[in-house]
Amino acid sequence: MTTFAPLTLRGLPRETAARQPLCADIDGFSLHAAVRIEAHDYKQLEQLCRYITRPALSDERVQLDAAGQVELKLKTPWRDETTHLVMSLLEFMQRLAVLVLRRRPHPLTAASGS
């Protein structure tokens, strides 16, 4: 399989946010372990569920440019000031396909031989 390196577009540098306790930001993923909801706060629970089940890409941030390439606007600029990724339609589809988990048999059913 051929690997592709997307064209990156850079903007102005941004200031890095101060780290909060119980938060981690690793390889583009962030975890906020300080988030908690009271037992009967259903409105906040619904808001959290909507947040964690949102789609990975917003329709507003993905578009085709005049050359027919996919232009993906990043939600926040990267540390190297990259604001957009530009790639071919095929490369974009390959990158999306990697995000889909491969089905695996459940370990208990696989061990029982059924």
PDB file of N, CA and C in Angstrom:
ATOM      1  N   MET A   1       0.840  -1.186   0.000  1.00  0.00           N
ATOM      2  CA  MET A   1       0.000   0.000   0.000  1.00  0.00           C
ATOM      3  C   MET A   1       0.879   1.240   0.000  1.00  0.00           C
ATOM      4  N   THR A   2       0.549   2.176  -0.813  1.00  0.00           N
ATOM      5  CA  THR A   2       1.311   3.406  -0.909  1.00  0.00           C
ATOM      6  C   THR A   2       0.903   4.344   0.214  1.00  0.00           C
ATOM      7  N   THR A   3       1.892   4.990   0.840  1.00  0.00           N
ATOM      8  CA  THR A   3       1.582   5.972   1.870  1.00  0.00           C
ATOM      9  C   THR A   3       1.662   7.358   1.253  1.00  0.00           C
ATOM     10  N   PHE A   4       0.815   8.231   1.711  1.00  0.00           N
ATOM     11  CA  PHE A   4       0.731   9.583   1.192  1.00  0.00           C
ATOM     12  C   PHE A   4       1.031  10.575   2.294  1.00  0.00           C
ATOM     13  N   ALA A   5       1.597  11.677   1.932  1.00  0.00           N
ATOM     14  CA  ALA A   5       1.806  12.771   2.877  1.00  0.00           C
ATOM     15  C   ALA A   5       0.968  13.944   2.378  1.00  0.00           C
ATOM     16  N   PRO A   6      -0.065  14.338   3.134  1.00  0.00           N
ATOM     17  CA  PRO A   6      -0.911  15.427   2.660  1.00  0.00           C
ATOM     18  C   PRO A   6      -0.176  16.759   2.678  1.00  0.00           C
ATOM     19  N   LEU A   7      -0.587  17.634   1.803  1.00  0.00           N
ATOM     20  CA  LEU A   7      -0.081  18.990   1.792  1.00  0.00           C
ATOM     21  C   LEU A   7      -0.650  19.695   3.011  1.00  0.00           C
ATOM     22  N   THR A   8       0.190  20.389   3.765  1.00  0.00           N
ATOM     23  CA  THR A   8      -0.296  21.100   4.942  1.00  0.00           C
ATOM     24  C   THR A   8      -0.215  22.594   4.695  1.00  0.00           C
ATOM     25  N   LEU A   9      -1.224  23.311   5.122  1.00  0.00           N
ATOM     26  CA  LEU A   9      -1.266  24.764   5.018  1.00  0.00           C
ATOM     27  C   LEU A   9      -1.116  25.343   6.412  1.00  0.00           C
ATOM     28  N   ARG A  10      -0.218  26.288   6.562  1.00  0.00           N
ATOM     29  CA  ARG A  10       0.061  26.829   7.892  1.00  0.00           C
ATOM     30  C   ARG A  10      -0.429  28.254   8.014  1.00  0.00           C
ATOM     31  N   GLY A  11      -0.862  28.588   9.223  1.00  0.00           N
ATOM     32  CA  GLY A  11      -1.317  29.940   9.522  1.00  0.00           C
ATOM     33  C   GLY A  11      -0.423  30.562  10.570  1.00  0.00           C
ATOM     34  N   LEU A  12      -0.957  31.476  11.314  1.00  0.00           N
ATOM     35  CA  LEU A  12      -0.196  32.149  12.363  1.00  0.00           C
ATOM     36  C   LEU A  12      -0.040  31.236  13.576  1.00  0.00           C
ATOM     37  N   PRO A  13       1.056  31.383  14.327  1.00  0.00           N
ATOM     38  CA  PRO A  13       1.229  30.540  15.511  1.00  0.00           C
ATOM     39  C   PRO A  13       0.160  30.848  16.544  1.00  0.00           C
ATOM     40  N   ARG A  14      -0.211  29.822  17.306  1.00  0.00           N
ATOM     41  CA  ARG A  14      -1.202  30.030  18.364  1.00  0.00           C
ATOM     42  C   ARG A  14      -0.538  29.759  19.706  1.00  0.00           C
ATOM     43  N   GLU A  15      -1.089  30.367  20.720  1.00  0.00           N
ATOM     44  CA  GLU A  15      -0.537  30.150  22.046  1.00  0.00           C
ATOM     45  C   GLU A  15      -1.050  28.821  22.574  1.00  0.00           C
ATOM     46  N   THR A  16      -0.175  28.091  23.247  1.00  0.00           N
ATOM     47  CA  THR A  16      -0.584  26.808  23.803  1.00  0.00           C
ATOM     48  C   THR A  16      -1.345  27.031  25.096  1.00  0.00           C
ATOM     49  N   ALA A  17      -2.412  26.282  25.255  1.00  0.00           N
ATOM     50  CA  ALA A  17      -3.237  26.414  26.451  1.00  0.00           C
ATOM     51  C   ALA A  17      -2.528  25.797  27.646  1.00  0.00           C
ATOM     52  N   ALA A  18      -2.780  26.346  28.805  1.00  0.00           N
ATOM     53  CA  ALA A  18      -2.186  25.804  30.022  1.00  0.00           C
ATOM     54  C   ALA A  18      -2.793  24.439  30.327  1.00  0.00           C
ATOM     55  N   ARG A  19      -1.986  23.535  30.797  1.00  0.00           N
ATOM     56  CA  ARG A  19      -2.457  22.188  31.142  1.00  0.00           C
ATOM     57  C   ARG A  19      -3.319  22.248  32.397  1.00  0.00           C
ATOM     58  N   GLN A  20      -4.401  21.489  32.367  1.00  0.00           N
ATOM     59  CA  GLN A  20      -5.295  21.408  33.511  1.00  0.00           C
ATOM     60  C   GLN A  20      -5.040  20.106  34.246  1.00  0.00           C
ATOM     61  N   PRO A  21      -5.334  20.055  35.534  1.00  0.00           N
ATOM     62  CA  PRO A  21      -5.162  18.802  36.256  1.00  0.00           C
ATOM     63  C   PRO A  21      -6.097  17.724  35.697  1.00  0.00           C
ATOM     64  N   LEU A  22      -5.667  16.488  35.705  1.00  0.00           N
ATOM     65  CA  LEU A  22      -6.430  15.330  35.246  1.00  0.00           C
ATOM     66  C   LEU A  22      -6.768  15.388  33.761  1.00  0.00           C
ATOM     67  N   CYS A  23      -5.946  16.073  32.984  1.00  0.00           N
ATOM     68  CA  CYS A  23      -6.144  16.158  31.541  1.00  0.00           C
ATOM     69  C   CYS A  23      -4.873  15.698  30.838  1.00  0.00           C
ATOM     70  N   ALA A  24      -5.056  15.025  29.714  1.00  0.00           N
ATOM     71  CA  ALA A  24      -3.918  14.567  28.915  1.00  0.00           C
ATOM     72  C   ALA A  24      -4.198  14.861  27.458  1.00  0.00           C
ATOM     73  N   ASP A  25      -3.164  15.205  26.713  1.00  0.00           N
ATOM     74  CA  ASP A  25      -3.257  15.464  25.289  1.00  0.00           C
ATOM     75  C   ASP A  25      -2.113  14.729  24.619  1.00  0.00           C
ATOM     76  N   ILE A  26      -2.419  13.584  23.993  1.00  0.00           N
ATOM     77  CA  ILE A  26      -1.389  12.725  23.429  1.00  0.00           C
ATOM     78  C   ILE A  26      -1.758  12.371  21.993  1.00  0.00           C
ATOM     79  N   ASP A  27      -0.842  12.610  21.074  1.00  0.00           N
ATOM     80  CA  ASP A  27      -1.009  12.261  19.666  1.00  0.00           C
ATOM     81  C   ASP A  27      -2.321  12.761  19.067  1.00  0.00           C
ATOM     82  N   GLY A  28      -2.732  13.957  19.442  1.00  0.00           N
ATOM     83  CA  GLY A  28      -3.941  14.539  18.878  1.00  0.00           C
ATOM     84  C   GLY A  28      -5.226  14.148  19.579  1.00  0.00           C
ATOM     85  N   PHE A  29      -5.139  13.294  20.588  1.00  0.00           N
ATOM     86  CA  PHE A  29      -6.317  12.894  21.353  1.00  0.00           C
ATOM     87  C   PHE A  29      -6.228  13.511  22.737  1.00  0.00           C
ATOM     88  N   SER A  30      -7.358  13.971  23.240  1.00  0.00           N
ATOM     89  CA  SER A  30      -7.350  14.552  24.580  1.00  0.00           C
ATOM     90  C   SER A  30      -8.316  13.784  25.481  1.00  0.00           C
ATOM     91  N   LEU A  31      -7.922  13.654  26.739  1.00  0.00           N
ATOM     92  CA  LEU A  31      -8.740  12.990  27.746  1.00  0.00           C
ATOM     93  C   LEU A  31      -8.882  13.932  28.921  1.00  0.00           C
ATOM     94  N   HIS A  32     -10.120  14.163  29.338  1.00  0.00           N
ATOM     95  CA  HIS A  32     -10.395  15.034  30.473  1.00  0.00           C
ATOM     96  C   HIS A  32     -11.024  14.197  31.570  1.00  0.00           C
ATOM     97  N   ALA A  33     -10.192  13.652  32.433  1.00  0.00           N
ATOM     98  CA  ALA A  33     -10.666  12.772  33.501  1.00  0.00           C
ATOM     99  C   ALA A  33     -11.342  13.554  34.623  1.00  0.00           C
ATOM    100  N   ALA A  34     -11.279  14.874  34.587  1.00  0.00           N
ATOM    101  CA  ALA A  34     -11.911  15.680  35.625  1.00  0.00           C
ATOM    102  C   ALA A  34     -13.400  15.891  35.365  1.00  0.00           C
ATOM    103  N   VAL A  35     -13.906  15.432  34.213  1.00  0.00           N
ATOM    104  CA  VAL A  35     -15.324  15.615  33.886  1.00  0.00           C
ATOM    105  C   VAL A  35     -16.153  14.642  34.712  1.00  0.00           C
ATOM    106  N   ARG A  36     -17.143  15.175  35.403  1.00  0.00           N
ATOM    107  CA  ARG A  36     -18.043  14.316  36.178  1.00  0.00           C
ATOM    108  C   ARG A  36     -19.428  14.948  36.224  1.00  0.00           C
ATOM    109  N   ILE A  37     -20.405  14.099  36.444  1.00  0.00           N
ATOM    110  CA  ILE A  37     -21.796  14.539  36.439  1.00  0.00           C
ATOM    111  C   ILE A  37     -22.474  13.988  37.685  1.00  0.00           C
ATOM    112  N   GLU A  38     -23.289  14.808  38.293  1.00  0.00           N
ATOM    113  CA  GLU A  38     -24.029  14.368  39.481  1.00  0.00           C
ATOM    114  C   GLU A  38     -25.023  13.272  39.098  1.00  0.00           C
ATOM    115  N   ALA A  39     -25.409  12.455  40.054  1.00  0.00           N
ATOM    116  CA  ALA A  39     -26.213  11.256  39.803  1.00  0.00           C
ATOM    117  C   ALA A  39     -27.515  11.523  39.042  1.00  0.00           C
ATOM    118  N   HIS A  40     -28.218  12.595  39.347  1.00  0.00           N
ATOM    119  CA  HIS A  40     -29.527  12.823  38.728  1.00  0.00           C
ATOM    120  C   HIS A  40     -29.542  14.036  37.798  1.00  0.00           C
ATOM    121  N   ASP A  41     -28.385  14.426  37.296  1.00  0.00           N
ATOM    122  CA  ASP A  41     -28.299  15.567  36.386  1.00  0.00           C
ATOM    123  C   ASP A  41     -28.409  15.061  34.948  1.00  0.00           C
ATOM    124  N   TYR A  42     -29.642  14.769  34.541  1.00  0.00           N
ATOM    125  CA  TYR A  42     -29.879  14.165  33.237  1.00  0.00           C
ATOM    126  C   TYR A  42     -29.567  15.111  32.089  1.00  0.00           C
ATOM    127  N   LYS A  43     -29.742  16.397  32.292  1.00  0.00           N
ATOM    128  CA  LYS A  43     -29.436  17.355  31.237  1.00  0.00           C
ATOM    129  C   LYS A  43     -27.937  17.345  30.922  1.00  0.00           C
ATOM    130  N   GLN A  44     -27.109  17.351  31.949  1.00  0.00           N
ATOM    131  CA  GLN A  44     -25.660  17.298  31.746  1.00  0.00           C
ATOM    132  C   GLN A  44     -25.232  15.945  31.167  1.00  0.00           C
ATOM    133  N   LEU A  45     -25.893  14.863  31.596  1.00  0.00           N
ATOM    134  CA  LEU A  45     -25.582  13.540  31.059  1.00  0.00           C
ATOM    135  C   LEU A  45     -25.897  13.490  29.560  1.00  0.00           C
ATOM    136  N   GLU A  46     -27.041  14.055  29.180  1.00  0.00           N
ATOM    137  CA  GLU A  46     -27.389  14.096  27.759  1.00  0.00           C
ATOM    138  C   GLU A  46     -26.360  14.910  26.982  1.00  0.00           C
ATOM    139  N   GLN A  47     -25.937  16.041  27.535  1.00  0.00           N
ATOM    140  CA  GLN A  47     -24.958  16.886  26.863  1.00  0.00           C
ATOM    141  C   GLN A  47     -23.629  16.140  26.690  1.00  0.00           C
ATOM    142  N   LEU A  48     -23.198  15.412  27.712  1.00  0.00           N
ATOM    143  CA  LEU A  48     -21.970  14.632  27.615  1.00  0.00           C
ATOM    144  C   LEU A  48     -22.104  13.518  26.577  1.00  0.00           C
ATOM    145  N   CYS A  49     -23.246  12.836  26.568  1.00  0.00           N
ATOM    146  CA  CYS A  49     -23.469  11.765  25.584  1.00  0.00           C
ATOM    147  C   CYS A  49     -23.458  12.312  24.160  1.00  0.00           C
ATOM    148  N   ARG A  50     -24.070  13.469  23.958  1.00  0.00           N
ATOM    149  CA  ARG A  50     -24.048  14.086  22.632  1.00  0.00           C
ATOM    150  C   ARG A  50     -22.624  14.463  22.231  1.00  0.00           C
ATOM    151  N   TYR A  51     -21.836  14.917  23.189  1.00  0.00           N
ATOM    152  CA  TYR A  51     -20.465  15.313  22.903  1.00  0.00           C
ATOM    153  C   TYR A  51     -19.616  14.108  22.504  1.00  0.00           C
ATOM    154  N   ILE A  52     -19.708  13.014  23.240  1.00  0.00           N
ATOM    155  CA  ILE A  52     -18.834  11.868  22.957  1.00  0.00           C
ATOM    156  C   ILE A  52     -19.302  11.053  21.757  1.00  0.00           C
ATOM    157  N   THR A  53     -20.543  11.254  21.301  1.00  0.00           N
ATOM    158  CA  THR A  53     -21.026  10.516  20.131  1.00  0.00           C
ATOM    159  C   THR A  53     -21.069  11.374  18.868  1.00  0.00           C
ATOM    160  N   ARG A  54     -20.494  12.554  18.925  1.00  0.00           N
ATOM    161  CA  ARG A  54     -20.486  13.423  17.743  1.00  0.00           C
ATOM    162  C   ARG A  54     -19.601  12.808  16.666  1.00  0.00           C
ATOM    163  N   PRO A  55     -19.851  13.146  15.410  1.00  0.00           N
ATOM    164  CA  PRO A  55     -19.032  12.588  14.326  1.00  0.00           C
ATOM    165  C   PRO A  55     -17.591  13.078  14.398  1.00  0.00           C
ATOM    166  N   ALA A  56     -16.683  12.286  13.832  1.00  0.00           N
ATOM    167  CA  ALA A  56     -15.259  12.632  13.857  1.00  0.00           C
ATOM    168  C   ALA A  56     -14.951  13.855  13.009  1.00  0.00           C
ATOM    169  N   LEU A  57     -15.683  14.029  11.917  1.00  0.00           N
ATOM    170  CA  LEU A  57     -15.458  15.159  11.024  1.00  0.00           C
ATOM    171  C   LEU A  57     -16.749  15.941  10.829  1.00  0.00           C
ATOM    172  N   SER A  58     -16.640  17.244  10.897  1.00  0.00           N
ATOM    173  CA  SER A  58     -17.774  18.118  10.639  1.00  0.00           C
ATOM    174  C   SER A  58     -17.899  18.379   9.146  1.00  0.00           C
ATOM    175  N   ASP A  59     -19.114  18.372   8.631  1.00  0.00           N
ATOM    176  CA  ASP A  59     -19.346  18.658   7.212  1.00  0.00           C
ATOM    177  C   ASP A  59     -18.795  20.026   6.813  1.00  0.00           C
ATOM    178  N   GLU A  60     -18.823  20.971   7.730  1.00  0.00           N
ATOM    179  CA  GLU A  60     -18.358  22.321   7.426  1.00  0.00           C
ATOM    180  C   GLU A  60     -16.844  22.382   7.251  1.00  0.00           C
ATOM    181  N   ARG A  61     -16.119  21.391   7.756  1.00  0.00           N
ATOM    182  CA  ARG A  61     -14.656  21.437   7.687  1.00  0.00           C
ATOM    183  C   ARG A  61     -14.077  20.631   6.524  1.00  0.00           C
ATOM    184  N   VAL A  62     -14.896  19.916   5.767  1.00  0.00           N
ATOM    185  CA  VAL A  62     -14.420  19.115   4.637  1.00  0.00           C
ATOM    186  C   VAL A  62     -15.046  19.661   3.356  1.00  0.00           C
ATOM    187  N   GLN A  63     -14.198  19.938   2.357  1.00  0.00           N
ATOM    188  CA  GLN A  63     -14.713  20.412   1.076  1.00  0.00           C
ATOM    189  C   GLN A  63     -13.752  20.041  -0.044  1.00  0.00           C
ATOM    190  N   LEU A  64     -14.266  20.049  -1.260  1.00  0.00           N
ATOM    191  CA  LEU A  64     -13.427  19.829  -2.439  1.00  0.00           C
ATOM    192  C   LEU A  64     -12.971  21.184  -2.961  1.00  0.00           C
ATOM    193  N   ASP A  65     -11.680  21.282  -3.316  1.00  0.00           N
ATOM    194  CA  ASP A  65     -11.193  22.534  -3.888  1.00  0.00           C
ATOM    195  C   ASP A  65     -11.368  22.518  -5.405  1.00  0.00           C
ATOM    196  N   ALA A  66     -10.947  23.563  -6.077  1.00  0.00           N
ATOM    197  CA  ALA A  66     -11.133  23.689  -7.532  1.00  0.00           C
ATOM    198  C   ALA A  66     -10.408  22.588  -8.302  1.00  0.00           C
ATOM    199  N   ALA A  67      -9.337  22.033  -7.739  1.00  0.00           N
ATOM    200  CA  ALA A  67      -8.567  20.974  -8.406  1.00  0.00           C
ATOM    201  C   ALA A  67      -9.135  19.583  -8.126  1.00  0.00           C
ATOM    202  N   GLY A  68     -10.224  19.508  -7.353  1.00  0.00           N
ATOM    203  CA  GLY A  68     -10.830  18.215  -7.045  1.00  0.00           C
ATOM    204  C   GLY A  68     -10.176  17.498  -5.883  1.00  0.00           C
ATOM    205  N   GLN A  69      -9.360  18.199  -5.113  1.00  0.00           N
ATOM    206  CA  GLN A  69      -8.732  17.599  -3.942  1.00  0.00           C
ATOM    207  C   GLN A  69      -9.550  17.929  -2.695  1.00  0.00           C
ATOM    208  N   VAL A  70      -9.421  17.074  -1.690  1.00  0.00           N
ATOM    209  CA  VAL A  70     -10.140  17.275  -0.431  1.00  0.00           C
ATOM    210  C   VAL A  70      -9.344  18.236   0.434  1.00  0.00           C
ATOM    211  N   GLU A  71     -10.022  19.242   0.928  1.00  0.00           N
ATOM    212  CA  GLU A  71      -9.406  20.205   1.835  1.00  0.00           C
ATOM    213  C   GLU A  71     -10.077  20.055   3.187  1.00  0.00           C
ATOM    214  N   LEU A  72      -9.303  19.658   4.182  1.00  0.00           N
ATOM    215  CA  LEU A  72      -9.823  19.442   5.530  1.00  0.00           C
ATOM    216  C   LEU A  72      -9.302  20.536   6.438  1.00  0.00           C
ATOM    217  N   LYS A  73     -10.201  21.357   6.943  1.00  0.00           N
ATOM    218  CA  LYS A  73      -9.822  22.417   7.871  1.00  0.00           C
ATOM    219  C   LYS A  73      -9.737  21.797   9.265  1.00  0.00           C
ATOM    220  N   LEU A  74      -8.610  21.975   9.918  1.00  0.00           N
ATOM    221  CA  LEU A  74      -8.435  21.430  11.257  1.00  0.00           C
ATOM    222  C   LEU A  74      -9.234  22.240  12.264  1.00  0.00           C
ATOM    223  N   LYS A  75      -9.729  21.567  13.281  1.00  0.00           N
ATOM    224  CA  LYS A  75     -10.530  22.243  14.301  1.00  0.00           C
ATOM    225  C   LYS A  75      -9.687  23.294  15.022  1.00  0.00           C
ATOM    226  N   THR A  76      -8.475  22.933  15.369  1.00  0.00           N
ATOM    227  CA  THR A  76      -7.519  23.875  15.953  1.00  0.00           C
ATOM    228  C   THR A  76      -6.187  23.674  15.242  1.00  0.00           C
ATOM    229  N   PRO A  77      -5.428  24.740  15.045  1.00  0.00           N
ATOM    230  CA  PRO A  77      -4.133  24.594  14.367  1.00  0.00           C
ATOM    231  C   PRO A  77      -3.190  23.677  15.149  1.00  0.00           C
ATOM    232  N   TRP A  78      -2.351  22.970  14.418  1.00  0.00           N
ATOM    233  CA  TRP A  78      -1.349  22.117  15.047  1.00  0.00           C
ATOM    234  C   TRP A  78      -0.227  22.982  15.592  1.00  0.00           C
ATOM    235  N   ARG A  79       0.651  22.373  16.372  1.00  0.00           N
ATOM    236  CA  ARG A  79       1.770  23.113  16.954  1.00  0.00           C
ATOM    237  C   ARG A  79       2.676  23.726  15.885  1.00  0.00           C
ATOM    238  N   ASP A  80       2.761  23.071  14.724  1.00  0.00           N
ATOM    239  CA  ASP A  80       3.604  23.620  13.651  1.00  0.00           C
ATOM    240  C   ASP A  80       2.841  24.627  12.797  1.00  0.00           C
ATOM    241  N   GLU A  81       1.675  25.078  13.270  1.00  0.00           N
ATOM    242  CA  GLU A  81       0.835  26.108  12.656  1.00  0.00           C
ATOM    243  C   GLU A  81       0.036  25.615  11.456  1.00  0.00           C
ATOM    244  N   THR A  82      -0.041  24.306  11.227  1.00  0.00           N
ATOM    245  CA  THR A  82      -0.846  23.761  10.140  1.00  0.00           C
ATOM    246  C   THR A  82      -2.322  24.005  10.435  1.00  0.00           C
ATOM    247  N   THR A  83      -3.046  24.560   9.455  1.00  0.00           N
ATOM    248  CA  THR A  83      -4.471  24.857   9.635  1.00  0.00           C
ATOM    249  C   THR A  83      -5.366  23.995   8.752  1.00  0.00           C
ATOM    250  N   HIS A  84      -4.824  23.471   7.628  1.00  0.00           N
ATOM    251  CA  HIS A  84      -5.583  22.664   6.681  1.00  0.00           C
ATOM    252  C   HIS A  84      -4.736  21.494   6.192  1.00  0.00           C
ATOM    253  N   LEU A  85      -5.396  20.416   5.811  1.00  0.00           N
ATOM    254  CA  LEU A  85      -4.745  19.305   5.121  1.00  0.00           C
ATOM    255  C   LEU A  85      -5.386  19.200   3.750  1.00  0.00           C
ATOM    256  N   VAL A  86      -4.565  19.084   2.723  1.00  0.00           N
ATOM    257  CA  VAL A  86      -5.058  18.964   1.353  1.00  0.00           C
ATOM    258  C   VAL A  86      -4.554  17.639   0.803  1.00  0.00           C
ATOM    259  N   MET A  87      -5.479  16.806   0.288  1.00  0.00           N
ATOM    260  CA  MET A  87      -5.103  15.482  -0.219  1.00  0.00           C
ATOM    261  C   MET A  87      -6.054  15.070  -1.322  1.00  0.00           C
ATOM    262  N   SER A  88      -5.643  14.053  -2.063  1.00  0.00           N
ATOM    263  CA  SER A  88      -6.507  13.547  -3.131  1.00  0.00           C
ATOM    264  C   SER A  88      -7.718  12.855  -2.513  1.00  0.00           C
ATOM    265  N   LEU A  89      -8.746  12.670  -3.309  1.00  0.00           N
ATOM    266  CA  LEU A  89      -9.949  11.992  -2.841  1.00  0.00           C
ATOM    267  C   LEU A  89      -9.626  10.557  -2.427  1.00  0.00           C
ATOM    268  N   LEU A  90      -8.766   9.883  -3.189  1.00  0.00           N
ATOM    269  CA  LEU A  90      -8.373   8.512  -2.861  1.00  0.00           C
ATOM    270  C   LEU A  90      -7.642   8.461  -1.519  1.00  0.00           C
ATOM    271  N   GLU A  91      -6.725   9.376  -1.301  1.00  0.00           N
ATOM    272  CA  GLU A  91      -5.995   9.403  -0.032  1.00  0.00           C
ATOM    273  C   GLU A  91      -6.936   9.670   1.134  1.00  0.00           C
ATOM    274  N   PHE A  92      -7.885  10.574   0.933  1.00  0.00           N
ATOM    275  CA  PHE A  92      -8.855  10.877   1.980  1.00  0.00           C
ATOM    276  C   PHE A  92      -9.663   9.626   2.340  1.00  0.00           C
ATOM    277  N   MET A  93     -10.109   8.888   1.325  1.00  0.00           N
ATOM    278  CA  MET A  93     -10.870   7.662   1.570  1.00  0.00           C
ATOM    279  C   MET A  93     -10.004   6.615   2.281  1.00  0.00           C
ATOM    280  N   GLN A  94      -8.726   6.510   1.903  1.00  0.00           N
ATOM    281  CA  GLN A  94      -7.835   5.568   2.570  1.00  0.00           C
ATOM    282  C   GLN A  94      -7.674   5.924   4.041  1.00  0.00           C
ATOM    283  N   ARG A  95      -7.544   7.202   4.329  1.00  0.00           N
ATOM    284  CA  ARG A  95      -7.404   7.634   5.727  1.00  0.00           C
ATOM    285  C   ARG A  95      -8.690   7.383   6.521  1.00  0.00           C
ATOM    286  N   LEU A  96      -9.831   7.569   5.898  1.00  0.00           N
ATOM    287  CA  LEU A  96     -11.097   7.271   6.580  1.00  0.00           C
ATOM    288  C   LEU A  96     -11.245   5.779   6.834  1.00  0.00           C
ATOM    289  N   ALA A  97     -10.824   4.966   5.874  1.00  0.00           N
ATOM    290  CA  ALA A  97     -10.953   3.509   6.012  1.00  0.00           C
ATOM    291  C   ALA A  97     -10.150   2.990   7.199  1.00  0.00           C
ATOM    292  N   VAL A  98      -9.027   3.606   7.486  1.00  0.00           N
ATOM    293  CA  VAL A  98      -8.200   3.183   8.612  1.00  0.00           C
ATOM    294  C   VAL A  98      -8.928   3.393   9.938  1.00  0.00           C
ATOM    295  N   LEU A  99      -9.822   4.377   9.980  1.00  0.00           N
ATOM    296  CA  LEU A  99     -10.548   4.672  11.217  1.00  0.00           C
ATOM    297  C   LEU A  99     -11.600   3.625  11.559  1.00  0.00           C
ATOM    298  N   VAL A 100     -12.010   2.838  10.560  1.00  0.00           N
ATOM    299  CA  VAL A 100     -13.035   1.819  10.773  1.00  0.00           C
ATOM    300  C   VAL A 100     -12.370   0.579  11.358  1.00  0.00           C
ATOM    301  N   LEU A 101     -12.840   0.170  12.516  1.00  0.00           N
ATOM    302  CA  LEU A 101     -12.250  -0.993  13.186  1.00  0.00           C
ATOM    303  C   LEU A 101     -12.597  -2.279  12.456  1.00  0.00           C
ATOM    304  N   ARG A 102     -11.630  -3.163  12.380  1.00  0.00           N
ATOM    305  CA  ARG A 102     -11.863  -4.465  11.772  1.00  0.00           C
ATOM    306  C   ARG A 102     -12.642  -5.340  12.758  1.00  0.00           C
ATOM    307  N   ARG A 103     -13.641  -6.044  12.257  1.00  0.00           N
ATOM    308  CA  ARG A 103     -14.426  -6.932  13.123  1.00  0.00           C
ATOM    309  C   ARG A 103     -13.567  -8.088  13.591  1.00  0.00           C
ATOM    310  N   ARG A 104     -13.651  -8.360  14.868  1.00  0.00           N
ATOM    311  CA  ARG A 104     -12.929  -9.486  15.446  1.00  0.00           C
ATOM    312  C   ARG A 104     -13.926 -10.326  16.229  1.00  0.00           C
ATOM    313  N   PRO A 105     -13.704 -11.629  16.285  1.00  0.00           N
ATOM    314  CA  PRO A 105     -14.605 -12.455  17.091  1.00  0.00           C
ATOM    315  C   PRO A 105     -14.447 -12.139  18.573  1.00  0.00           C
ATOM    316  N   HIS A 106     -15.527 -12.223  19.307  1.00  0.00           N
ATOM    317  CA  HIS A 106     -15.487 -12.014  20.744  1.00  0.00           C
ATOM    318  C   HIS A 106     -14.574 -13.073  21.351  1.00  0.00           C
ATOM    319  N   PRO A 107     -13.703 -12.722  22.301  1.00  0.00           N
ATOM    320  CA  PRO A 107     -12.746 -13.680  22.831  1.00  0.00           C
ATOM    321  C   PRO A 107     -13.392 -14.912  23.477  1.00  0.00           C
ATOM    322  N   LEU A 108     -14.556 -14.763  24.089  1.00  0.00           N
ATOM    323  CA  LEU A 108     -15.193 -15.912  24.739  1.00  0.00           C
ATOM    324  C   LEU A 108     -15.787 -16.889  23.714  1.00  0.00           C
ATOM    325  N   THR A 109     -16.392 -16.355  22.642  1.00  0.00           N
ATOM    326  CA  THR A 109     -16.955 -17.240  21.634  1.00  0.00           C
ATOM    327  C   THR A 109     -15.859 -17.872  20.787  1.00  0.00           C
ATOM    328  N   ALA A 110     -14.753 -17.144  20.581  1.00  0.00           N
ATOM    329  CA  ALA A 110     -13.648 -17.700  19.805  1.00  0.00           C
ATOM    330  C   ALA A 110     -12.972 -18.835  20.569  1.00  0.00           C
ATOM    331  N   ALA A 111     -12.885 -18.704  21.908  1.00  0.00           N
ATOM    332  CA  ALA A 111     -12.227 -19.724  22.722  1.00  0.00           C
ATOM    333  C   ALA A 111     -13.078 -20.995  22.827  1.00  0.00           C
ATOM    334  N   SER A 112     -14.410 -20.839  22.785  1.00  0.00           N
ATOM    335  CA  SER A 112     -15.279 -22.001  22.937  1.00  0.00           C
ATOM    336  C   SER A 112     -15.399 -22.790  21.635  1.00  0.00           C
ATOM    337  N   GLY A 113     -14.972 -22.194  20.526  1.00  0.00           N
ATOM    338  CA  GLY A 113     -15.028 -22.888  19.235  1.00  0.00           C
ATOM    339  C   GLY A 113     -16.393 -22.871  18.574  1.00  0.00           C
ATOM    340  N   SER A 114     -17.297 -21.994  19.039  1.00  0.00           N
ATOM    341  CA  SER A 114     -18.635 -21.928  18.422  1.00  0.00           C
ATOM    342  C   SER A 114     -18.720 -20.933  17.328  1.00  0.00           C
TER     343      SER A 114
END
